[in-house]
Amino acid sequence: MGLVARVIEAAGISTVILNMMPAYQPTVGAPCVAAVSHPFGRPYGDVGDADTQRVVLRAALNVLATARTPGQVVHLPFRWSEEPRATTWGPKEPSPIVALMLKGRRSG
């Protein structure tokens, strides 16, 4: 993402990356980072939690609007509400493509 953000920034468009690993910002060279303490795959919030997703998105856009220095990292105030092991990582029913792949494994 850092490379893509740098290319977009070079074209004169400001960017912000929502990142769960802000310590790597200097390595990837992201122009601006909104750091969030959420598990991988859930940077904006849990599946179906539109309210949290909206709040996180607005906070990240606020970082974009207020950042003053290249490479700035702003830690957002959000914390995941449960232990990562307790997080539900997918729907109860697999998606159609996953169901088809699983069916192929069983019959093959």
PDB file of N, CA and C in Angstrom:
ATOM      1  N   MET A   1       0.813  -1.199   0.000  1.00  0.00           N
ATOM      2  CA  MET A   1       0.000   0.000   0.000  1.00  0.00           C
ATOM      3  C   MET A   1       0.853   1.259   0.000  1.00  0.00           C
ATOM      4  N   GLY A   2       2.001   1.200   0.639  1.00  0.00           N
ATOM      5  CA  GLY A   2       2.851   2.377   0.694  1.00  0.00           C
ATOM      6  C   GLY A   2       3.287   2.843  -0.683  1.00  0.00           C
ATOM      7  N   LEU A   3       3.629   1.896  -1.544  1.00  0.00           N
ATOM      8  CA  LEU A   3       4.059   2.243  -2.904  1.00  0.00           C
ATOM      9  C   LEU A   3       2.910   2.887  -3.673  1.00  0.00           C
ATOM     10  N   VAL A   4       1.744   2.300  -3.600  1.00  0.00           N
ATOM     11  CA  VAL A   4       0.579   2.853  -4.298  1.00  0.00           C
ATOM     12  C   VAL A   4       0.290   4.256  -3.774  1.00  0.00           C
ATOM     13  N   ALA A   5       0.322   4.421  -2.456  1.00  0.00           N
ATOM     14  CA  ALA A   5       0.064   5.740  -1.866  1.00  0.00           C
ATOM     15  C   ALA A   5       1.095   6.759  -2.345  1.00  0.00           C
ATOM     16  N   ARG A   6       2.353   6.355  -2.420  1.00  0.00           N
ATOM     17  CA  ARG A   6       3.391   7.289  -2.878  1.00  0.00           C
ATOM     18  C   ARG A   6       3.171   7.707  -4.322  1.00  0.00           C
ATOM     19  N   VAL A   7       2.748   6.787  -5.172  1.00  0.00           N
ATOM     20  CA  VAL A   7       2.476   7.111  -6.579  1.00  0.00           C
ATOM     21  C   VAL A   7       1.301   8.080  -6.672  1.00  0.00           C
ATOM     22  N   ILE A   8       0.252   7.821  -5.903  1.00  0.00           N
ATOM     23  CA  ILE A   8      -0.911   8.709  -5.900  1.00  0.00           C
ATOM     24  C   ILE A   8      -0.519  10.083  -5.373  1.00  0.00           C
ATOM     25  N   GLU A   9       0.281  10.106  -4.308  1.00  0.00           N
ATOM     26  CA  GLU A   9       0.743  11.378  -3.741  1.00  0.00           C
ATOM     27  C   GLU A   9       1.582  12.153  -4.761  1.00  0.00           C
ATOM     28  N   ALA A  10       2.407  11.449  -5.529  1.00  0.00           N
ATOM     29  CA  ALA A  10       3.239  12.111  -6.542  1.00  0.00           C
ATOM     30  C   ALA A  10       2.386  12.795  -7.607  1.00  0.00           C
ATOM     31  N   ALA A  11       1.154  12.302  -7.797  1.00  0.00           N
ATOM     32  CA  ALA A  11       0.242  12.911  -8.760  1.00  0.00           C
ATOM     33  C   ALA A  11      -0.520  14.089  -8.145  1.00  0.00           C
ATOM     34  N   GLY A  12      -0.214  14.411  -6.876  1.00  0.00           N
ATOM     35  CA  GLY A  12      -0.832  15.563  -6.237  1.00  0.00           C
ATOM     36  C   GLY A  12      -2.096  15.258  -5.445  1.00  0.00           C
ATOM     37  N   ILE A  13      -2.360  13.974  -5.192  1.00  0.00           N
ATOM     38  CA  ILE A  13      -3.550  13.586  -4.437  1.00  0.00           C
ATOM     39  C   ILE A  13      -3.106  13.056  -3.069  1.00  0.00           C
ATOM     40  N   SER A  14      -3.625  13.646  -2.013  1.00  0.00           N
ATOM     41  CA  SER A  14      -3.264  13.214  -0.664  1.00  0.00           C
ATOM     42  C   SER A  14      -3.855  11.845  -0.353  1.00  0.00           C
ATOM     43  N   THR A  15      -3.137  11.065   0.445  1.00  0.00           N
ATOM     44  CA  THR A  15      -3.602   9.732   0.818  1.00  0.00           C
ATOM     45  C   THR A  15      -3.442   9.510   2.313  1.00  0.00           C
ATOM     46  N   VAL A  16      -4.177   8.539   2.824  1.00  0.00           N
ATOM     47  CA  VAL A  16      -4.006   8.058   4.192  1.00  0.00           C
ATOM     48  C   VAL A  16      -4.201   6.546   4.139  1.00  0.00           C
ATOM     49  N   ILE A  17      -3.381   5.836   4.883  1.00  0.00           N
ATOM     50  CA  ILE A  17      -3.487   4.382   4.949  1.00  0.00           C
ATOM     51  C   ILE A  17      -3.933   3.998   6.351  1.00  0.00           C
ATOM     52  N   LEU A  18      -4.987   3.192   6.425  1.00  0.00           N
ATOM     53  CA  LEU A  18      -5.419   2.645   7.708  1.00  0.00           C
ATOM     54  C   LEU A  18      -4.574   1.410   7.945  1.00  0.00           C
ATOM     55  N   ASN A  19      -3.832   1.389   9.058  1.00  0.00           N
ATOM     56  CA  ASN A  19      -2.806   0.377   9.237  1.00  0.00           C
ATOM     57  C   ASN A  19      -2.852  -0.192  10.652  1.00  0.00           C
ATOM     58  N   MET A  20      -2.735  -1.512  10.759  1.00  0.00           N
ATOM     59  CA  MET A  20      -2.694  -2.172  12.060  1.00  0.00           C
ATOM     60  C   MET A  20      -1.263  -2.367  12.554  1.00  0.00           C
ATOM     61  N   MET A  21      -0.278  -2.037  11.728  1.00  0.00           N
ATOM     62  CA  MET A  21       1.135  -2.201  12.096  1.00  0.00           C
ATOM     63  C   MET A  21       1.898  -0.908  11.806  1.00  0.00           C
ATOM     64  N   PRO A  22       1.616   0.158  12.545  1.00  0.00           N
ATOM     65  CA  PRO A  22       2.247   1.446  12.236  1.00  0.00           C
ATOM     66  C   PRO A  22       3.760   1.467  12.412  1.00  0.00           C
ATOM     67  N   ALA A  23       4.309   0.525  13.145  1.00  0.00           N
ATOM     68  CA  ALA A  23       5.764   0.488  13.330  1.00  0.00           C
ATOM     69  C   ALA A  23       6.487   0.263  11.999  1.00  0.00           C
ATOM     70  N   TYR A  24       5.793  -0.305  11.025  1.00  0.00           N
ATOM     71  CA  TYR A  24       6.410  -0.556   9.724  1.00  0.00           C
ATOM     72  C   TYR A  24       6.289   0.625   8.768  1.00  0.00           C
ATOM     73  N   GLN A  25       5.686   1.707   9.199  1.00  0.00           N
ATOM     74  CA  GLN A  25       5.507   2.865   8.328  1.00  0.00           C
ATOM     75  C   GLN A  25       6.824   3.358   7.735  1.00  0.00           C
ATOM     76  N   PRO A  26       7.889   3.484   8.521  1.00  0.00           N
ATOM     77  CA  PRO A  26       9.140   3.946   7.918  1.00  0.00           C
ATOM     78  C   PRO A  26       9.671   2.977   6.848  1.00  0.00           C
ATOM     79  N   THR A  27       9.408   1.686   7.017  1.00  0.00           N
ATOM     80  CA  THR A  27       9.882   0.691   6.058  1.00  0.00           C
ATOM     81  C   THR A  27       9.150   0.793   4.729  1.00  0.00           C
ATOM     82  N   VAL A  28       7.836   0.960   4.789  1.00  0.00           N
ATOM     83  CA  VAL A  28       7.040   0.993   3.556  1.00  0.00           C
ATOM     84  C   VAL A  28       6.906   2.398   3.006  1.00  0.00           C
ATOM     85  N   GLY A  29       7.194   3.393   3.821  1.00  0.00           N
ATOM     86  CA  GLY A  29       7.180   4.769   3.343  1.00  0.00           C
ATOM     87  C   GLY A  29       5.813   5.323   3.034  1.00  0.00           C
ATOM     88  N   ALA A  30       4.811   4.927   3.795  1.00  0.00           N
ATOM     89  CA  ALA A  30       3.474   5.465   3.574  1.00  0.00           C
ATOM     90  C   ALA A  30       3.463   6.955   3.908  1.00  0.00           C
ATOM     91  N   PRO A  31       2.849   7.763   3.066  1.00  0.00           N
ATOM     92  CA  PRO A  31       2.838   9.200   3.308  1.00  0.00           C
ATOM     93  C   PRO A  31       2.136   9.600   4.603  1.00  0.00           C
ATOM     94  N   CYS A  32       1.029   8.956   4.948  1.00  0.00           N
ATOM     95  CA  CYS A  32       0.286   9.293   6.150  1.00  0.00           C
ATOM     96  C   CYS A  32      -0.437   8.033   6.622  1.00  0.00           C
ATOM     97  N   VAL A  33      -0.366   7.753   7.921  1.00  0.00           N
ATOM     98  CA  VAL A  33      -0.950   6.521   8.463  1.00  0.00           C
ATOM     99  C   VAL A  33      -1.917   6.849   9.587  1.00  0.00           C
ATOM    100  N   ALA A  34      -3.092   6.244   9.510  1.00  0.00           N
ATOM    101  CA  ALA A  34      -4.038   6.232  10.619  1.00  0.00           C
ATOM    102  C   ALA A  34      -3.901   4.843  11.228  1.00  0.00           C
ATOM    103  N   ALA A  35      -3.325   4.761  12.413  1.00  0.00           N
ATOM    104  CA  ALA A  35      -3.064   3.472  13.055  1.00  0.00           C
ATOM    105  C   ALA A  35      -4.271   3.060  13.892  1.00  0.00           C
ATOM    106  N   VAL A  36      -4.645   1.796  13.766  1.00  0.00           N
ATOM    107  CA  VAL A  36      -5.805   1.295  14.509  1.00  0.00           C
ATOM    108  C   VAL A  36      -5.456  -0.052  15.132  1.00  0.00           C
ATOM    109  N   SER A  37      -5.883  -0.256  16.372  1.00  0.00           N
ATOM    110  CA  SER A  37      -5.603  -1.513  17.079  1.00  0.00           C
ATOM    111  C   SER A  37      -6.743  -2.499  16.858  1.00  0.00           C
ATOM    112  N   HIS A  38      -6.863  -2.946  15.634  1.00  0.00           N
ATOM    113  CA  HIS A  38      -7.864  -3.943  15.262  1.00  0.00           C
ATOM    114  C   HIS A  38      -7.141  -5.136  14.663  1.00  0.00           C
ATOM    115  N   PRO A  39      -7.764  -6.318  14.676  1.00  0.00           N
ATOM    116  CA  PRO A  39      -7.107  -7.491  14.080  1.00  0.00           C
ATOM    117  C   PRO A  39      -7.015  -7.367  12.558  1.00  0.00           C
ATOM    118  N   PHE A  40      -6.071  -8.096  11.996  1.00  0.00           N
ATOM    119  CA  PHE A  40      -5.944  -8.134  10.538  1.00  0.00           C
ATOM    120  C   PHE A  40      -7.257  -8.600   9.928  1.00  0.00           C
ATOM    121  N   GLY A  41      -7.599  -8.021   8.811  1.00  0.00           N
ATOM    122  CA  GLY A  41      -8.835  -8.370   8.135  1.00  0.00           C
ATOM    123  C   GLY A  41     -10.034  -7.599   8.639  1.00  0.00           C
ATOM    124  N   ARG A  42      -9.857  -6.842   9.707  1.00  0.00           N
ATOM    125  CA  ARG A  42     -10.962  -6.075  10.286  1.00  0.00           C
ATOM    126  C   ARG A  42     -10.534  -4.649  10.626  1.00  0.00           C
ATOM    127  N   PRO A  43      -9.823  -3.956   9.741  1.00  0.00           N
ATOM    128  CA  PRO A  43      -9.329  -2.633  10.121  1.00  0.00           C
ATOM    129  C   PRO A  43     -10.447  -1.642  10.441  1.00  0.00           C
ATOM    130  N   TYR A  44     -11.589  -1.781   9.790  1.00  0.00           N
ATOM    131  CA  TYR A  44     -12.682  -0.831  10.025  1.00  0.00           C
ATOM    132  C   TYR A  44     -13.643  -1.289  11.107  1.00  0.00           C
ATOM    133  N   GLY A  45     -13.584  -2.548  11.491  1.00  0.00           N
ATOM    134  CA  GLY A  45     -14.497  -3.062  12.499  1.00  0.00           C
ATOM    135  C   GLY A  45     -15.000  -4.436  12.118  1.00  0.00           C
ATOM    136  N   ASP A  46     -15.903  -4.940  12.904  1.00  0.00           N
ATOM    137  CA  ASP A  46     -16.408  -6.295  12.710  1.00  0.00           C
ATOM    138  C   ASP A  46     -17.383  -6.368  11.530  1.00  0.00           C
ATOM    139  N   VAL A  47     -17.550  -7.543  11.012  1.00  0.00           N
ATOM    140  CA  VAL A  47     -18.478  -7.796   9.912  1.00  0.00           C
ATOM    141  C   VAL A  47     -19.876  -7.367  10.350  1.00  0.00           C
ATOM    142  N   GLY A  48     -20.532  -6.583   9.525  1.00  0.00           N
ATOM    143  CA  GLY A  48     -21.896  -6.157   9.803  1.00  0.00           C
ATOM    144  C   GLY A  48     -22.020  -4.988  10.770  1.00  0.00           C
ATOM    145  N   ASP A  49     -20.914  -4.497  11.308  1.00  0.00           N
ATOM    146  CA  ASP A  49     -20.958  -3.387  12.260  1.00  0.00           C
ATOM    147  C   ASP A  49     -20.735  -2.067  11.515  1.00  0.00           C
ATOM    148  N   ALA A  50     -21.753  -1.656  10.790  1.00  0.00           N
ATOM    149  CA  ALA A  50     -21.642  -0.460   9.949  1.00  0.00           C
ATOM    150  C   ALA A  50     -21.359   0.800  10.766  1.00  0.00           C
ATOM    151  N   ASP A  51     -21.885   0.879  11.984  1.00  0.00           N
ATOM    152  CA  ASP A  51     -21.660   2.074  12.802  1.00  0.00           C
ATOM    153  C   ASP A  51     -20.174   2.254  13.121  1.00  0.00           C
ATOM    154  N   THR A  52     -19.524   1.178  13.580  1.00  0.00           N
ATOM    155  CA  THR A  52     -18.088   1.259  13.877  1.00  0.00           C
ATOM    156  C   THR A  52     -17.293   1.509  12.605  1.00  0.00           C
ATOM    157  N   GLN A  53     -17.644   0.841  11.526  1.00  0.00           N
ATOM    158  CA  GLN A  53     -16.936   1.029  10.266  1.00  0.00           C
ATOM    159  C   GLN A  53     -17.001   2.486   9.821  1.00  0.00           C
ATOM    160  N   ARG A  54     -18.154   3.090   9.962  1.00  0.00           N
ATOM    161  CA  ARG A  54     -18.338   4.492   9.580  1.00  0.00           C
ATOM    162  C   ARG A  54     -17.486   5.416  10.461  1.00  0.00           C
ATOM    163  N   VAL A  55     -17.466   5.163  11.765  1.00  0.00           N
ATOM    164  CA  VAL A  55     -16.695   5.997  12.693  1.00  0.00           C
ATOM    165  C   VAL A  55     -15.192   5.890  12.403  1.00  0.00           C
ATOM    166  N   VAL A  56     -14.716   4.678  12.147  1.00  0.00           N
ATOM    167  CA  VAL A  56     -13.295   4.488  11.836  1.00  0.00           C
ATOM    168  C   VAL A  56     -12.944   5.172  10.514  1.00  0.00           C
ATOM    169  N   LEU A  57     -13.792   5.022   9.508  1.00  0.00           N
ATOM    170  CA  LEU A  57     -13.549   5.676   8.222  1.00  0.00           C
ATOM    171  C   LEU A  57     -13.482   7.194   8.387  1.00  0.00           C
ATOM    172  N   ARG A  58     -14.424   7.753   9.132  1.00  0.00           N
ATOM    173  CA  ARG A  58     -14.414   9.209   9.348  1.00  0.00           C
ATOM    174  C   ARG A  58     -13.151   9.653  10.094  1.00  0.00           C
ATOM    175  N   ALA A  59     -12.736   8.859  11.062  1.00  0.00           N
ATOM    176  CA  ALA A  59     -11.510   9.199  11.805  1.00  0.00           C
ATOM    177  C   ALA A  59     -10.299   9.168  10.885  1.00  0.00           C
ATOM    178  N   ALA A  60     -10.224   8.167  10.004  1.00  0.00           N
ATOM    179  CA  ALA A  60      -9.101   8.081   9.053  1.00  0.00           C
ATOM    180  C   ALA A  60      -9.124   9.275   8.092  1.00  0.00           C
ATOM    181  N   LEU A  61     -10.304   9.644   7.625  1.00  0.00           N
ATOM    182  CA  LEU A  61     -10.407  10.804   6.729  1.00  0.00           C
ATOM    183  C   LEU A  61     -10.030  12.097   7.468  1.00  0.00           C
ATOM    184  N   ASN A  62     -10.323  12.174   8.758  1.00  0.00           N
ATOM    185  CA  ASN A  62      -9.917  13.330   9.547  1.00  0.00           C
ATOM    186  C   ASN A  62      -8.392  13.413   9.640  1.00  0.00           C
ATOM    187  N   VAL A  63      -7.735  12.251   9.764  1.00  0.00           N
ATOM    188  CA  VAL A  63      -6.268  12.230   9.760  1.00  0.00           C
ATOM    189  C   VAL A  63      -5.763  12.800   8.441  1.00  0.00           C
ATOM    190  N   LEU A  64      -6.378  12.380   7.350  1.00  0.00           N
ATOM    191  CA  LEU A  64      -5.993  12.881   6.033  1.00  0.00           C
ATOM    192  C   LEU A  64      -6.143  14.404   5.974  1.00  0.00           C
ATOM    193  N   ALA A  65      -7.227  14.920   6.533  1.00  0.00           N
ATOM    194  CA  ALA A  65      -7.500  16.359   6.475  1.00  0.00           C
ATOM    195  C   ALA A  65      -6.583  17.178   7.374  1.00  0.00           C
ATOM    196  N   THR A  66      -6.073  16.567   8.451  1.00  0.00           N
ATOM    197  CA  THR A  66      -5.310  17.349   9.424  1.00  0.00           C
ATOM    198  C   THR A  66      -3.814  17.050   9.460  1.00  0.00           C
ATOM    199  N   ALA A  67      -3.361  16.015   8.771  1.00  0.00           N
ATOM    200  CA  ALA A  67      -1.933  15.661   8.785  1.00  0.00           C
ATOM    201  C   ALA A  67      -1.113  16.823   8.225  1.00  0.00           C
ATOM    202  N   ARG A  68      -0.001  17.084   8.880  1.00  0.00           N
ATOM    203  CA  ARG A  68       0.839  18.221   8.470  1.00  0.00           C
ATOM    204  C   ARG A  68       2.228  17.829   7.988  1.00  0.00           C
ATOM    205  N   THR A  69       2.684  16.623   8.325  1.00  0.00           N
ATOM    206  CA  THR A  69       4.039  16.249   7.937  1.00  0.00           C
ATOM    207  C   THR A  69       4.033  14.917   7.198  1.00  0.00           C
ATOM    208  N   PRO A  70       4.888  14.759   6.184  1.00  0.00           N
ATOM    209  CA  PRO A  70       4.984  13.481   5.484  1.00  0.00           C
ATOM    210  C   PRO A  70       5.384  12.367   6.451  1.00  0.00           C
ATOM    211  N   GLY A  71       4.776  11.208   6.290  1.00  0.00           N
ATOM    212  CA  GLY A  71       5.096  10.074   7.131  1.00  0.00           C
ATOM    213  C   GLY A  71       4.458  10.114   8.506  1.00  0.00           C
ATOM    214  N   GLN A  72       3.579  11.073   8.719  1.00  0.00           N
ATOM    215  CA  GLN A  72       2.934  11.211  10.029  1.00  0.00           C
ATOM    216  C   GLN A  72       2.092   9.978  10.355  1.00  0.00           C
ATOM    217  N   VAL A  73       2.172   9.538  11.599  1.00  0.00           N
ATOM    218  CA  VAL A  73       1.365   8.420  12.091  1.00  0.00           C
ATOM    219  C   VAL A  73       0.469   8.953  13.198  1.00  0.00           C
ATOM    220  N   VAL A  74      -0.827   8.758  13.038  1.00  0.00           N
ATOM    221  CA  VAL A  74      -1.792   9.180  14.052  1.00  0.00           C
ATOM    222  C   VAL A  74      -2.473   7.924  14.574  1.00  0.00           C
ATOM    223  N   HIS A  75      -2.398   7.700  15.874  1.00  0.00           N
ATOM    224  CA  HIS A  75      -3.019   6.526  16.494  1.00  0.00           C
ATOM    225  C   HIS A  75      -4.476   6.841  16.806  1.00  0.00           C
ATOM    226  N   LEU A  76      -5.364   6.097  16.170  1.00  0.00           N
ATOM    227  CA  LEU A  76      -6.791   6.286  16.405  1.00  0.00           C
ATOM    228  C   LEU A  76      -7.166   5.676  17.755  1.00  0.00           C
ATOM    229  N   PRO A  77      -8.197   6.196  18.402  1.00  0.00           N
ATOM    230  CA  PRO A  77      -8.521   5.764  19.768  1.00  0.00           C
ATOM    231  C   PRO A  77      -9.346   4.478  19.866  1.00  0.00           C
ATOM    232  N   PHE A  78      -9.425   3.698  18.810  1.00  0.00           N
ATOM    233  CA  PHE A  78     -10.278   2.510  18.814  1.00  0.00           C
ATOM    234  C   PHE A  78      -9.515   1.275  19.283  1.00  0.00           C
ATOM    235  N   ARG A  79     -10.169   0.436  20.065  1.00  0.00           N
ATOM    236  CA  ARG A  79      -9.600  -0.830  20.530  1.00  0.00           C
ATOM    237  C   ARG A  79     -10.586  -1.939  20.227  1.00  0.00           C
ATOM    238  N   TRP A  80     -10.079  -3.091  19.861  1.00  0.00           N
ATOM    239  CA  TRP A  80     -10.929  -4.243  19.571  1.00  0.00           C
ATOM    240  C   TRP A  80     -11.599  -4.699  20.858  1.00  0.00           C
ATOM    241  N   SER A  81     -12.847  -5.081  20.774  1.00  0.00           N
ATOM    242  CA  SER A  81     -13.645  -5.350  21.973  1.00  0.00           C
ATOM    243  C   SER A  81     -13.461  -6.744  22.562  1.00  0.00           C
ATOM    244  N   GLU A  82     -12.749  -7.616  21.897  1.00  0.00           N
ATOM    245  CA  GLU A  82     -12.585  -8.979  22.410  1.00  0.00           C
ATOM    246  C   GLU A  82     -11.211  -9.517  22.045  1.00  0.00           C
ATOM    247  N   GLU A  83     -10.843 -10.622  22.650  1.00  0.00           N
ATOM    248  CA  GLU A  83      -9.583 -11.274  22.326  1.00  0.00           C
ATOM    249  C   GLU A  83      -9.633 -11.743  20.869  1.00  0.00           C
ATOM    250  N   PRO A  84      -8.530 -11.622  20.124  1.00  0.00           N
ATOM    251  CA  PRO A  84      -8.543 -12.057  18.722  1.00  0.00           C
ATOM    252  C   PRO A  84      -9.026 -13.495  18.535  1.00  0.00           C
ATOM    253  N   ARG A  85      -8.697 -14.378  19.488  1.00  0.00           N
ATOM    254  CA  ARG A  85      -9.136 -15.774  19.361  1.00  0.00           C
ATOM    255  C   ARG A  85     -10.650 -15.913  19.431  1.00  0.00           C
ATOM    256  N   ALA A  86     -11.312 -14.955  20.062  1.00  0.00           N
ATOM    257  CA  ALA A  86     -12.764 -15.020  20.209  1.00  0.00           C
ATOM    258  C   ALA A  86     -13.498 -14.374  19.038  1.00  0.00           C
ATOM    259  N   THR A  87     -12.765 -13.753  18.131  1.00  0.00           N
ATOM    260  CA  THR A  87     -13.378 -13.058  17.007  1.00  0.00           C
ATOM    261  C   THR A  87     -13.916 -14.041  15.982  1.00  0.00           C
ATOM    262  N   THR A  88     -15.121 -13.783  15.507  1.00  0.00           N
ATOM    263  CA  THR A  88     -15.716 -14.586  14.443  1.00  0.00           C
ATOM    264  C   THR A  88     -15.150 -14.070  13.123  1.00  0.00           C
ATOM    265  N   TRP A  89     -14.416 -14.904  12.428  1.00  0.00           N
ATOM    266  CA  TRP A  89     -13.704 -14.448  11.228  1.00  0.00           C
ATOM    267  C   TRP A  89     -14.469 -14.619   9.947  1.00  0.00           C
ATOM    268  N   GLY A  90     -15.596 -15.217   9.961  1.00  0.00           N
ATOM    269  CA  GLY A  90     -16.347 -15.363   8.726  1.00  0.00           C
ATOM    270  C   GLY A  90     -17.795 -15.669   9.034  1.00  0.00           C
ATOM    271  N   PRO A  91     -18.628 -15.674   8.013  1.00  0.00           N
ATOM    272  CA  PRO A  91     -20.024 -15.998   8.225  1.00  0.00           C
ATOM    273  C   PRO A  91     -20.189 -17.470   8.596  1.00  0.00           C
ATOM    274  N   LYS A  92     -21.319 -17.794   9.198  1.00  0.00           N
ATOM    275  CA  LYS A  92     -21.574 -19.187   9.586  1.00  0.00           C
ATOM    276  C   LYS A  92     -21.620 -20.095   8.355  1.00  0.00           C
ATOM    277  N   GLU A  93     -22.195 -19.615   7.289  1.00  0.00           N
ATOM    278  CA  GLU A  93     -22.261 -20.367   6.035  1.00  0.00           C
ATOM    279  C   GLU A  93     -21.154 -19.874   5.101  1.00  0.00           C
ATOM    280  N   PRO A  94     -20.418 -20.776   4.447  1.00  0.00           N
ATOM    281  CA  PRO A  94     -19.367 -20.319   3.529  1.00  0.00           C
ATOM    282  C   PRO A  94     -19.980 -19.649   2.298  1.00  0.00           C
ATOM    283  N   SER A  95     -19.207 -18.775   1.698  1.00  0.00           N
ATOM    284  CA  SER A  95     -19.659 -18.133   0.465  1.00  0.00           C
ATOM    285  C   SER A  95     -19.806 -19.201  -0.608  1.00  0.00           C
ATOM    286  N   PRO A  96     -20.558 -18.926  -1.678  1.00  0.00           N
ATOM    287  CA  PRO A  96     -20.747 -19.934  -2.736  1.00  0.00           C
ATOM    288  C   PRO A  96     -19.431 -20.457  -3.318  1.00  0.00           C
ATOM    289  N   ILE A  97     -18.441 -19.587  -3.508  1.00  0.00           N
ATOM    290  CA  ILE A  97     -17.181 -20.039  -4.097  1.00  0.00           C
ATOM    291  C   ILE A  97     -16.426 -20.942  -3.125  1.00  0.00           C
ATOM    292  N   VAL A  98     -16.455 -20.605  -1.835  1.00  0.00           N
ATOM    293  CA  VAL A  98     -15.797 -21.449  -0.841  1.00  0.00           C
ATOM    294  C   VAL A  98     -16.516 -22.791  -0.742  1.00  0.00           C
ATOM    295  N   ALA A  99     -17.844 -22.780  -0.755  1.00  0.00           N
ATOM    296  CA  ALA A  99     -18.608 -24.032  -0.701  1.00  0.00           C
ATOM    297  C   ALA A  99     -18.261 -24.914  -1.889  1.00  0.00           C
ATOM    298  N   LEU A 100     -18.146 -24.328  -3.071  1.00  0.00           N
ATOM    299  CA  LEU A 100     -17.791 -25.090  -4.273  1.00  0.00           C
ATOM    300  C   LEU A 100     -16.379 -25.671  -4.150  1.00  0.00           C
ATOM    301  N   MET A 101     -15.446 -24.889  -3.633  1.00  0.00           N
ATOM    302  CA  MET A 101     -14.080 -25.374  -3.468  1.00  0.00           C
ATOM    303  C   MET A 101     -14.030 -26.520  -2.459  1.00  0.00           C
ATOM    304  N   LEU A 102     -14.763 -26.380  -1.358  1.00  0.00           N
ATOM    305  CA  LEU A 102     -14.804 -27.430  -0.355  1.00  0.00           C
ATOM    306  C   LEU A 102     -15.437 -28.706  -0.914  1.00  0.00           C
ATOM    307  N   LYS A 103     -16.470 -28.559  -1.699  1.00  0.00           N
ATOM    308  CA  LYS A 103     -17.137 -29.698  -2.332  1.00  0.00           C
ATOM    309  C   LYS A 103     -16.149 -30.410  -3.270  1.00  0.00           C
ATOM    310  N   GLY A 104     -15.372 -29.667  -4.021  1.00  0.00           N
ATOM    311  CA  GLY A 104     -14.392 -30.246  -4.924  1.00  0.00           C
ATOM    312  C   GLY A 104     -13.316 -31.025  -4.182  1.00  0.00           C
ATOM    313  N   ARG A 105     -12.921 -30.519  -3.021  1.00  0.00           N
ATOM    314  CA  ARG A 105     -11.922 -31.227  -2.202  1.00  0.00           C
ATOM    315  C   ARG A 105     -12.440 -32.571  -1.713  1.00  0.00           C
ATOM    316  N   ARG A 106     -13.706 -32.591  -1.306  1.00  0.00           N
ATOM    317  CA  ARG A 106     -14.284 -33.821  -0.769  1.00  0.00           C
ATOM    318  C   ARG A 106     -14.510 -34.867  -1.828  1.00  0.00           C
ATOM    319  N   SER A 107     -14.838 -34.420  -3.061  1.00  0.00           N
ATOM    320  CA  SER A 107     -15.120 -35.397  -4.117  1.00  0.00           C
ATOM    321  C   SER A 107     -13.862 -35.762  -4.899  1.00  0.00           C
ATOM    322  N   GLY A 108     -12.777 -35.008  -4.731  1.00  0.00           N
ATOM    323  CA  GLY A 108     -11.565 -35.241  -5.505  1.00  0.00           C
ATOM    324  C   GLY A 108     -10.611 -36.046  -4.808  1.00  0.00           C
TER     325      GLY A 108
END
